[in-house]
């Protein structure tokens, strides 16, 4: 069972699952594939990056990290990962 952090939103699981299954994408394509607004997806990708579950590869591409995969498998408690950027937008 996944251990979500209070900082997480329901779309976060969709983003992580998509990137695990299909590889790297920019927020615009993630938004198209999840039926979510690209700006909202971009904010969520930055939050996931700030908590170590995604990696920004540059040019707007995001990729799931090992911690992101561990979270999806229920092996990582997202409530315990630190926010590395105090200015994360919610």
PDB file of N, CA and C in Angstrom:
ATOM      1  N   UNK A   1       0.832  -1.181   0.000  1.00  0.00           N
ATOM      2  CA  UNK A   1       0.000   0.000   0.000  1.00  0.00           C
ATOM      3  C   UNK A   1       0.879   1.248   0.000  1.00  0.00           C
ATOM      4  N   UNK A   2       0.524   2.203  -0.825  1.00  0.00           N
ATOM      5  CA  UNK A   2       1.304   3.442  -0.927  1.00  0.00           C
ATOM      6  C   UNK A   2       1.118   4.311   0.305  1.00  0.00           C
ATOM      7  N   UNK A   3       2.213   4.949   0.690  1.00  0.00           N
ATOM      8  CA  UNK A   3       2.206   5.823   1.858  1.00  0.00           C
ATOM      9  C   UNK A   3       2.360   7.261   1.374  1.00  0.00           C
ATOM     10  N   UNK A   4       1.217   7.938   1.184  1.00  0.00           N
ATOM     11  CA  UNK A   4       1.200   9.290   0.626  1.00  0.00           C
ATOM     12  C   UNK A   4       1.581  10.321   1.676  1.00  0.00           C
ATOM     13  N   UNK A   5       2.193  11.404   1.211  1.00  0.00           N
ATOM     14  CA  UNK A   5       2.476  12.530   2.072  1.00  0.00           C
ATOM     15  C   UNK A   5       1.306  13.500   2.055  1.00  0.00           C
ATOM     16  N   UNK A   6       1.139  14.258   3.125  1.00  0.00           N
ATOM     17  CA  UNK A   6       0.071  15.262   3.178  1.00  0.00           C
ATOM     18  C   UNK A   6       0.226  16.301   2.079  1.00  0.00           C
ATOM     19  N   UNK A   7       1.428  16.512   1.615  1.00  0.00           N
ATOM     20  CA  UNK A   7       1.710  17.494   0.579  1.00  0.00           C
ATOM     21  C   UNK A   7       1.247  17.017  -0.796  1.00  0.00           C
ATOM     22  N   UNK A   8       0.935  15.743  -0.924  1.00  0.00           N
ATOM     23  CA  UNK A   8       0.616  15.162  -2.229  1.00  0.00           C
ATOM     24  C   UNK A   8      -0.833  15.415  -2.636  1.00  0.00           C
ATOM     25  N   UNK A   9      -1.057  15.446  -3.934  1.00  0.00           N
ATOM     26  CA  UNK A   9      -2.376  15.581  -4.549  1.00  0.00           C
ATOM     27  C   UNK A   9      -2.687  14.293  -5.308  1.00  0.00           C
ATOM     28  N   UNK A  10      -3.973  14.013  -5.559  1.00  0.00           N
ATOM     29  CA  UNK A  10      -4.329  12.782  -6.287  1.00  0.00           C
ATOM     30  C   UNK A  10      -3.642  12.642  -7.652  1.00  0.00           C
ATOM     31  N   UNK A  11      -3.423  13.747  -8.334  1.00  0.00           N
ATOM     32  CA  UNK A  11      -2.792  13.679  -9.662  1.00  0.00           C
ATOM     33  C   UNK A  11      -1.345  13.203  -9.582  1.00  0.00           C
ATOM     34  N   UNK A  12      -0.718  13.331  -8.433  1.00  0.00           N
ATOM     35  CA  UNK A  12       0.688  12.944  -8.302  1.00  0.00           C
ATOM     36  C   UNK A  12       0.898  11.461  -8.629  1.00  0.00           C
ATOM     37  N   UNK A  13      -0.005  10.622  -8.169  1.00  0.00           N
ATOM     38  CA  UNK A  13       0.111   9.193  -8.478  1.00  0.00           C
ATOM     39  C   UNK A  13      -0.018   8.949  -9.981  1.00  0.00           C
ATOM     40  N   UNK A  14      -0.936   9.671 -10.626  1.00  0.00           N
ATOM     41  CA  UNK A  14      -1.096   9.533 -12.080  1.00  0.00           C
ATOM     42  C   UNK A  14       0.187   9.913 -12.809  1.00  0.00           C
ATOM     43  N   UNK A  15       0.793  11.012 -12.387  1.00  0.00           N
ATOM     44  CA  UNK A  15       2.031  11.490 -13.019  1.00  0.00           C
ATOM     45  C   UNK A  15       3.133  10.446 -12.842  1.00  0.00           C
ATOM     46  N   UNK A  16       3.307   9.974 -11.615  1.00  0.00           N
ATOM     47  CA  UNK A  16       4.364   8.994 -11.338  1.00  0.00           C
ATOM     48  C   UNK A  16       4.141   7.699 -12.108  1.00  0.00           C
ATOM     49  N   UNK A  17       2.901   7.218 -12.133  1.00  0.00           N
ATOM     50  CA  UNK A  17       2.603   5.982 -12.855  1.00  0.00           C
ATOM     51  C   UNK A  17       2.868   6.129 -14.352  1.00  0.00           C
ATOM     52  N   UNK A  18       2.464   7.257 -14.924  1.00  0.00           N
ATOM     53  CA  UNK A  18       2.686   7.496 -16.345  1.00  0.00           C
ATOM     54  C   UNK A  18       4.176   7.492 -16.668  1.00  0.00           C
ATOM     55  N   UNK A  19       4.950   8.218 -15.879  1.00  0.00           N
ATOM     56  CA  UNK A  19       6.382   8.299 -16.160  1.00  0.00           C
ATOM     57  C   UNK A  19       7.076   6.961 -15.905  1.00  0.00           C
ATOM     58  N   UNK A  20       6.601   6.199 -14.948  1.00  0.00           N
ATOM     59  CA  UNK A  20       7.187   4.870 -14.732  1.00  0.00           C
ATOM     60  C   UNK A  20       6.914   3.966 -15.934  1.00  0.00           C
ATOM     61  N   UNK A  21       5.690   4.019 -16.438  1.00  0.00           N
ATOM     62  CA  UNK A  21       5.285   3.141 -17.534  1.00  0.00           C
ATOM     63  C   UNK A  21       5.797   3.578 -18.904  1.00  0.00           C
ATOM     64  N   UNK A  22       5.892   4.895 -19.117  1.00  0.00           N
ATOM     65  CA  UNK A  22       6.158   5.381 -20.468  1.00  0.00           C
ATOM     66  C   UNK A  22       7.444   6.180 -20.636  1.00  0.00           C
ATOM     67  N   UNK A  23       8.157   6.458 -19.561  1.00  0.00           N
ATOM     68  CA  UNK A  23       9.418   7.174 -19.702  1.00  0.00           C
ATOM     69  C   UNK A  23       9.307   8.650 -19.386  1.00  0.00           C
ATOM     70  N   UNK A  24      10.075   9.451 -20.051  1.00  0.00           N
ATOM     71  CA  UNK A  24      10.168  10.873 -19.755  1.00  0.00           C
ATOM     72  C   UNK A  24       9.240  11.708 -20.640  1.00  0.00           C
ATOM     73  N   UNK A  25       8.605  12.704 -19.987  1.00  0.00           N
ATOM     74  CA  UNK A  25       7.685  13.593 -20.683  1.00  0.00           C
ATOM     75  C   UNK A  25       7.756  14.990 -20.093  1.00  0.00           C
ATOM     76  N   UNK A  26       7.391  16.004 -20.886  1.00  0.00           N
ATOM     77  CA  UNK A  26       7.207  17.348 -20.344  1.00  0.00           C
ATOM     78  C   UNK A  26       5.786  17.462 -19.780  1.00  0.00           C
ATOM     79  N   UNK A  27       5.541  18.452 -18.910  1.00  0.00           N
ATOM     80  CA  UNK A  27       4.207  18.628 -18.325  1.00  0.00           C
ATOM     81  C   UNK A  27       3.086  18.731 -19.361  1.00  0.00           C
ATOM     82  N   UNK A  28       3.340  19.332 -20.502  1.00  0.00           N
ATOM     83  CA  UNK A  28       2.293  19.468 -21.507  1.00  0.00           C
ATOM     84  C   UNK A  28       1.778  18.097 -21.947  1.00  0.00           C
ATOM     85  N   UNK A  29       2.688  17.176 -22.257  1.00  0.00           N
ATOM     86  CA  UNK A  29       2.272  15.835 -22.686  1.00  0.00           C
ATOM     87  C   UNK A  29       1.682  15.022 -21.533  1.00  0.00           C
ATOM     88  N   UNK A  30       2.227  15.219 -20.331  1.00  0.00           N
ATOM     89  CA  UNK A  30       1.650  14.545 -19.163  1.00  0.00           C
ATOM     90  C   UNK A  30       0.210  15.020 -18.990  1.00  0.00           C
ATOM     91  N   UNK A  31      -0.013  16.323 -19.151  1.00  0.00           N
ATOM     92  CA  UNK A  31      -1.355  16.875 -19.045  1.00  0.00           C
ATOM     93  C   UNK A  31      -2.306  16.287 -20.068  1.00  0.00           C
ATOM     94  N   UNK A  32      -1.835  16.142 -21.297  1.00  0.00           N
ATOM     95  CA  UNK A  32      -2.673  15.556 -22.342  1.00  0.00           C
ATOM     96  C   UNK A  32      -3.027  14.107 -22.014  1.00  0.00           C
ATOM     97  N   UNK A  33      -2.058  13.368 -21.509  1.00  0.00           N
ATOM     98  CA  UNK A  33      -2.275  11.946 -21.233  1.00  0.00           C
ATOM     99  C   UNK A  33      -3.098  11.705 -19.967  1.00  0.00           C
ATOM    100  N   UNK A  34      -3.132  12.675 -19.048  1.00  0.00           N
ATOM    101  CA  UNK A  34      -3.881  12.517 -17.796  1.00  0.00           C
ATOM    102  C   UNK A  34      -5.127  13.389 -17.765  1.00  0.00           C
ATOM    103  N   UNK A  35      -5.365  14.151 -18.809  1.00  0.00           N
ATOM    104  CA  UNK A  35      -6.512  15.061 -18.897  1.00  0.00           C
ATOM    105  C   UNK A  35      -6.486  16.124 -17.800  1.00  0.00           C
ATOM    106  N   UNK A  36      -5.282  16.636 -17.523  1.00  0.00           N
ATOM    107  CA  UNK A  36      -5.081  17.697 -16.527  1.00  0.00           C
ATOM    108  C   UNK A  36      -4.422  18.889 -17.215  1.00  0.00           C
ATOM    109  N   UNK A  37      -4.643  20.091 -16.676  1.00  0.00           N
ATOM    110  CA  UNK A  37      -4.078  21.298 -17.269  1.00  0.00           C
ATOM    111  C   UNK A  37      -2.547  21.270 -17.149  1.00  0.00           C
ATOM    112  N   UNK A  38      -1.838  21.587 -18.230  1.00  0.00           N
ATOM    113  CA  UNK A  38      -0.368  21.519 -18.217  1.00  0.00           C
ATOM    114  C   UNK A  38       0.285  22.398 -17.142  1.00  0.00           C
ATOM    115  N   UNK A  39      -0.282  23.552 -16.841  1.00  0.00           N
ATOM    116  CA  UNK A  39       0.317  24.407 -15.802  1.00  0.00           C
ATOM    117  C   UNK A  39       0.187  23.750 -14.427  1.00  0.00           C
ATOM    118  N   UNK A  40      -0.943  23.119 -14.177  1.00  0.00           N
ATOM    119  CA  UNK A  40      -1.131  22.397 -12.918  1.00  0.00           C
ATOM    120  C   UNK A  40      -0.169  21.213 -12.846  1.00  0.00           C
ATOM    121  N   UNK A  41      -0.047  20.484 -13.941  1.00  0.00           N
ATOM    122  CA  UNK A  41       0.880  19.352 -13.994  1.00  0.00           C
ATOM    123  C   UNK A  41       2.308  19.840 -13.760  1.00  0.00           C
ATOM    124  N   UNK A  42       2.662  20.971 -14.339  1.00  0.00           N
ATOM    125  CA  UNK A  42       3.993  21.533 -14.135  1.00  0.00           C
ATOM    126  C   UNK A  42       4.269  21.836 -12.670  1.00  0.00           C
ATOM    127  N   UNK A  43       3.274  22.419 -11.981  1.00  0.00           N
ATOM    128  CA  UNK A  43       3.433  22.692 -10.543  1.00  0.00           C
ATOM    129  C   UNK A  43       3.604  21.393  -9.756  1.00  0.00           C
ATOM    130  N   UNK A  44       2.817  20.388 -10.115  1.00  0.00           N
ATOM    131  CA  UNK A  44       2.913  19.115  -9.407  1.00  0.00           C
ATOM    132  C   UNK A  44       4.247  18.422  -9.697  1.00  0.00           C
ATOM    133  N   UNK A  45       4.727  18.515 -10.940  1.00  0.00           N
ATOM    134  CA  UNK A  45       6.031  17.937 -11.272  1.00  0.00           C
ATOM    135  C   UNK A  45       7.133  18.601 -10.455  1.00  0.00           C
ATOM    136  N   UNK A  46       7.059  19.916 -10.289  1.00  0.00           N
ATOM    137  CA  UNK A  46       8.065  20.610  -9.483  1.00  0.00           C
ATOM    138  C   UNK A  46       7.990  20.169  -8.018  1.00  0.00           C
ATOM    139  N   UNK A  47       6.775  19.979  -7.501  1.00  0.00           N
ATOM    140  CA  UNK A  47       6.631  19.509  -6.115  1.00  0.00           C
ATOM    141  C   UNK A  47       7.207  18.099  -5.972  1.00  0.00           C
ATOM    142  N   UNK A  48       6.907  17.235  -6.931  1.00  0.00           N
ATOM    143  CA  UNK A  48       7.450  15.871  -6.899  1.00  0.00           C
ATOM    144  C   UNK A  48       8.971  15.889  -7.029  1.00  0.00           C
ATOM    145  N   UNK A  49       9.488  16.780  -7.843  1.00  0.00           N
ATOM    146  CA  UNK A  49      10.948  16.934  -7.967  1.00  0.00           C
ATOM    147  C   UNK A  49      11.537  17.401  -6.641  1.00  0.00           C
ATOM    148  N   UNK A  50      10.895  18.403  -6.024  1.00  0.00           N
ATOM    149  CA  UNK A  50      11.413  18.955  -4.770  1.00  0.00           C
ATOM    150  C   UNK A  50      11.424  17.928  -3.640  1.00  0.00           C
ATOM    151  N   UNK A  51      10.595  16.903  -3.764  1.00  0.00           N
ATOM    152  CA  UNK A  51      10.552  15.836  -2.762  1.00  0.00           C
ATOM    153  C   UNK A  51      11.318  14.592  -3.218  1.00  0.00           C
ATOM    154  N   UNK A  52      12.010  14.690  -4.350  1.00  0.00           N
ATOM    155  CA  UNK A  52      12.891  13.610  -4.792  1.00  0.00           C
ATOM    156  C   UNK A  52      12.220  12.465  -5.533  1.00  0.00           C
ATOM    157  N   UNK A  53      10.941  12.629  -5.918  1.00  0.00           N
ATOM    158  CA  UNK A  53      10.250  11.541  -6.605  1.00  0.00           C
ATOM    159  C   UNK A  53      10.350  11.656  -8.126  1.00  0.00           C
ATOM    160  N   UNK A  54      10.672  12.851  -8.613  1.00  0.00           N
ATOM    161  CA  UNK A  54      10.925  13.077 -10.041  1.00  0.00           C
ATOM    162  C   UNK A  54      12.256  13.782 -10.205  1.00  0.00           C
ATOM    163  N   UNK A  55      12.817  13.674 -11.401  1.00  0.00           N
ATOM    164  CA  UNK A  55      14.060  14.358 -11.779  1.00  0.00           C
ATOM    165  C   UNK A  55      13.751  15.205 -13.005  1.00  0.00           C
ATOM    166  N   UNK A  56      14.198  16.472 -12.974  1.00  0.00           N
ATOM    167  CA  UNK A  56      14.077  17.345 -14.136  1.00  0.00           C
ATOM    168  C   UNK A  56      15.315  17.117 -14.991  1.00  0.00           C
ATOM    169  N   UNK A  57      15.101  16.651 -16.208  1.00  0.00           N
ATOM    170  CA  UNK A  57      16.212  16.346 -17.111  1.00  0.00           C
ATOM    171  C   UNK A  57      16.639  17.538 -17.947  1.00  0.00           C
ATOM    172  N   UNK A  58      15.934  18.659 -17.782  1.00  0.00           N
ATOM    173  CA  UNK A  58      16.199  19.832 -18.606  1.00  0.00           C
ATOM    174  C   UNK A  58      15.234  19.883 -19.775  1.00  0.00           C
ATOM    175  N   UNK A  59      15.110  21.036 -20.359  1.00  0.00           N
ATOM    176  CA  UNK A  59      14.198  21.259 -21.486  1.00  0.00           C
ATOM    177  C   UNK A  59      12.768  20.835 -21.150  1.00  0.00           C
ATOM    178  N   UNK A  60      12.419  20.885 -19.843  1.00  0.00           N
ATOM    179  CA  UNK A  60      11.061  20.577 -19.430  1.00  0.00           C
ATOM    180  C   UNK A  60      10.725  19.106 -19.315  1.00  0.00           C
ATOM    181  N   UNK A  61      11.691  18.235 -19.484  1.00  0.00           N
ATOM    182  CA  UNK A  61      11.430  16.791 -19.386  1.00  0.00           C
ATOM    183  C   UNK A  61      11.591  16.305 -17.957  1.00  0.00           C
ATOM    184  N   UNK A  62      10.640  15.488 -17.519  1.00  0.00           N
ATOM    185  CA  UNK A  62      10.700  14.882 -16.190  1.00  0.00           C
ATOM    186  C   UNK A  62      10.779  13.372 -16.309  1.00  0.00           C
ATOM    187  N   UNK A  63      11.463  12.781 -15.329  1.00  0.00           N
ATOM    188  CA  UNK A  63      11.649  11.328 -15.271  1.00  0.00           C
ATOM    189  C   UNK A  63      11.463  10.892 -13.819  1.00  0.00           C
ATOM    190  N   UNK A  64      10.874   9.729 -13.609  1.00  0.00           N
ATOM    191  CA  UNK A  64      10.701   9.219 -12.258  1.00  0.00           C
ATOM    192  C   UNK A  64      12.061   8.796 -11.694  1.00  0.00           C
ATOM    193  N   UNK A  65      12.248   8.999 -10.402  1.00  0.00           N
ATOM    194  CA  UNK A  65      13.485   8.596  -9.732  1.00  0.00           C
ATOM    195  C   UNK A  65      13.293   7.223  -9.083  1.00  0.00           C
ATOM    196  N   UNK A  66      14.369   6.694  -8.557  1.00  0.00           N
ATOM    197  CA  UNK A  66      14.293   5.429  -7.822  1.00  0.00           C
ATOM    198  C   UNK A  66      13.349   5.577  -6.628  1.00  0.00           C
ATOM    199  N   UNK A  67      13.424   6.724  -5.922  1.00  0.00           N
ATOM    200  CA  UNK A  67      12.510   6.956  -4.800  1.00  0.00           C
ATOM    201  C   UNK A  67      11.061   7.007  -5.277  1.00  0.00           C
ATOM    202  N   UNK A  68      10.827   7.586  -6.447  1.00  0.00           N
ATOM    203  CA  UNK A  68       9.480   7.616  -7.006  1.00  0.00           C
ATOM    204  C   UNK A  68       8.954   6.215  -7.257  1.00  0.00           C
ATOM    205  N   UNK A  69       9.805   5.358  -7.773  1.00  0.00           N
ATOM    206  CA  UNK A  69       9.405   3.969  -8.010  1.00  0.00           C
ATOM    207  C   UNK A  69       9.168   3.239  -6.688  1.00  0.00           C
ATOM    208  N   UNK A  70      10.020   3.498  -5.696  1.00  0.00           N
ATOM    209  CA  UNK A  70       9.824   2.878  -4.380  1.00  0.00           C
ATOM    210  C   UNK A  70       8.496   3.315  -3.766  1.00  0.00           C
ATOM    211  N   UNK A  71       8.147   4.596  -3.938  1.00  0.00           N
ATOM    212  CA  UNK A  71       6.852   5.081  -3.446  1.00  0.00           C
ATOM    213  C   UNK A  71       5.710   4.306  -4.117  1.00  0.00           C
ATOM    214  N   UNK A  72       5.764   4.176  -5.442  1.00  0.00           N
ATOM    215  CA  UNK A  72       4.702   3.475  -6.156  1.00  0.00           C
ATOM    216  C   UNK A  72       4.568   2.023  -5.702  1.00  0.00           C
ATOM    217  N   UNK A  73       5.688   1.414  -5.317  1.00  0.00           N
ATOM    218  CA  UNK A  73       5.678   0.027  -4.849  1.00  0.00           C
ATOM    219  C   UNK A  73       5.276  -0.103  -3.378  1.00  0.00           C
ATOM    220  N   UNK A  74       5.069   1.045  -2.702  1.00  0.00           N
ATOM    221  CA  UNK A  74       4.703   1.018  -1.287  1.00  0.00           C
ATOM    222  C   UNK A  74       5.875   0.847  -0.353  1.00  0.00           C
ATOM    223  N   UNK A  75       7.077   1.011  -0.889  1.00  0.00           N
ATOM    224  CA  UNK A  75       8.296   0.813  -0.101  1.00  0.00           C
ATOM    225  C   UNK A  75       8.859   2.103   0.478  1.00  0.00           C
ATOM    226  N   UNK A  76       8.297   3.255   0.104  1.00  0.00           N
ATOM    227  CA  UNK A  76       8.789   4.556   0.574  1.00  0.00           C
ATOM    228  C   UNK A  76       7.606   5.360   1.083  1.00  0.00           C
ATOM    229  N   UNK A  77       7.732   5.904   2.287  1.00  0.00           N
ATOM    230  CA  UNK A  77       6.704   6.754   2.869  1.00  0.00           C
ATOM    231  C   UNK A  77       6.954   8.189   2.403  1.00  0.00           C
ATOM    232  N   UNK A  78       6.079   8.695   1.533  1.00  0.00           N
ATOM    233  CA  UNK A  78       6.262  10.037   0.975  1.00  0.00           C
ATOM    234  C   UNK A  78       6.124  11.124   2.034  1.00  0.00           C
ATOM    235  N   UNK A  79       5.514  10.812   3.161  1.00  0.00           N
ATOM    236  CA  UNK A  79       5.406  11.786   4.249  1.00  0.00           C
ATOM    237  C   UNK A  79       6.763  12.055   4.884  1.00  0.00           C
ATOM    238  N   UNK A  80       7.705  11.155   4.683  1.00  0.00           N
ATOM    239  CA  UNK A  80       9.009  11.292   5.322  1.00  0.00           C
ATOM    240  C   UNK A  80      10.090  11.878   4.408  1.00  0.00           C
ATOM    241  N   UNK A  81       9.765  12.120   3.146  1.00  0.00           N
ATOM    242  CA  UNK A  81      10.772  12.712   2.264  1.00  0.00           C
ATOM    243  C   UNK A  81      10.772  14.222   2.455  1.00  0.00           C
ATOM    244  N   UNK A  82      11.947  14.786   2.514  1.00  0.00           N
ATOM    245  CA  UNK A  82      12.091  16.219   2.775  1.00  0.00           C
ATOM    246  C   UNK A  82      11.857  17.030   1.514  1.00  0.00           C
ATOM    247  N   UNK A  83      11.268  18.205   1.698  1.00  0.00           N
ATOM    248  CA  UNK A  83      11.109  19.172   0.612  1.00  0.00           C
ATOM    249  C   UNK A  83      12.426  19.928   0.501  1.00  0.00           C
ATOM    250  N   UNK A  84      13.085  19.801  -0.637  1.00  0.00           N
ATOM    251  CA  UNK A  84      14.376  20.460  -0.821  1.00  0.00           C
ATOM    252  C   UNK A  84      14.247  21.898  -1.292  1.00  0.00           C
ATOM    253  N   UNK A  85      13.010  22.379  -1.485  1.00  0.00           N
ATOM    254  CA  UNK A  85      12.777  23.741  -1.960  1.00  0.00           C
ATOM    255  C   UNK A  85      11.647  24.332  -1.134  1.00  0.00           C
ATOM    256  N   UNK A  86      11.994  25.244  -0.249  1.00  0.00           N
ATOM    257  CA  UNK A  86      11.002  25.843   0.653  1.00  0.00           C
ATOM    258  C   UNK A  86       9.928  26.634  -0.089  1.00  0.00           C
ATOM    259  N   UNK A  87      10.186  27.040  -1.327  1.00  0.00           N
ATOM    260  CA  UNK A  87       9.230  27.875  -2.053  1.00  0.00           C
ATOM    261  C   UNK A  87       8.336  27.063  -2.980  1.00  0.00           C
ATOM    262  N   UNK A  88       8.168  25.769  -2.729  1.00  0.00           N
ATOM    263  CA  UNK A  88       7.325  24.925  -3.569  1.00  0.00           C
ATOM    264  C   UNK A  88       5.906  25.462  -3.582  1.00  0.00           C
ATOM    265  N   UNK A  89       5.353  25.610  -4.786  1.00  0.00           N
ATOM    266  CA  UNK A  89       3.972  26.084  -4.934  1.00  0.00           C
ATOM    267  C   UNK A  89       3.026  24.920  -4.770  1.00  0.00           C
ATOM    268  N   UNK A  90       1.923  25.150  -4.114  1.00  0.00           N
ATOM    269  CA  UNK A  90       0.886  24.122  -3.986  1.00  0.00           C
ATOM    270  C   UNK A  90      -0.202  24.473  -4.889  1.00  0.00           C
TER     271      UNK A  90
END
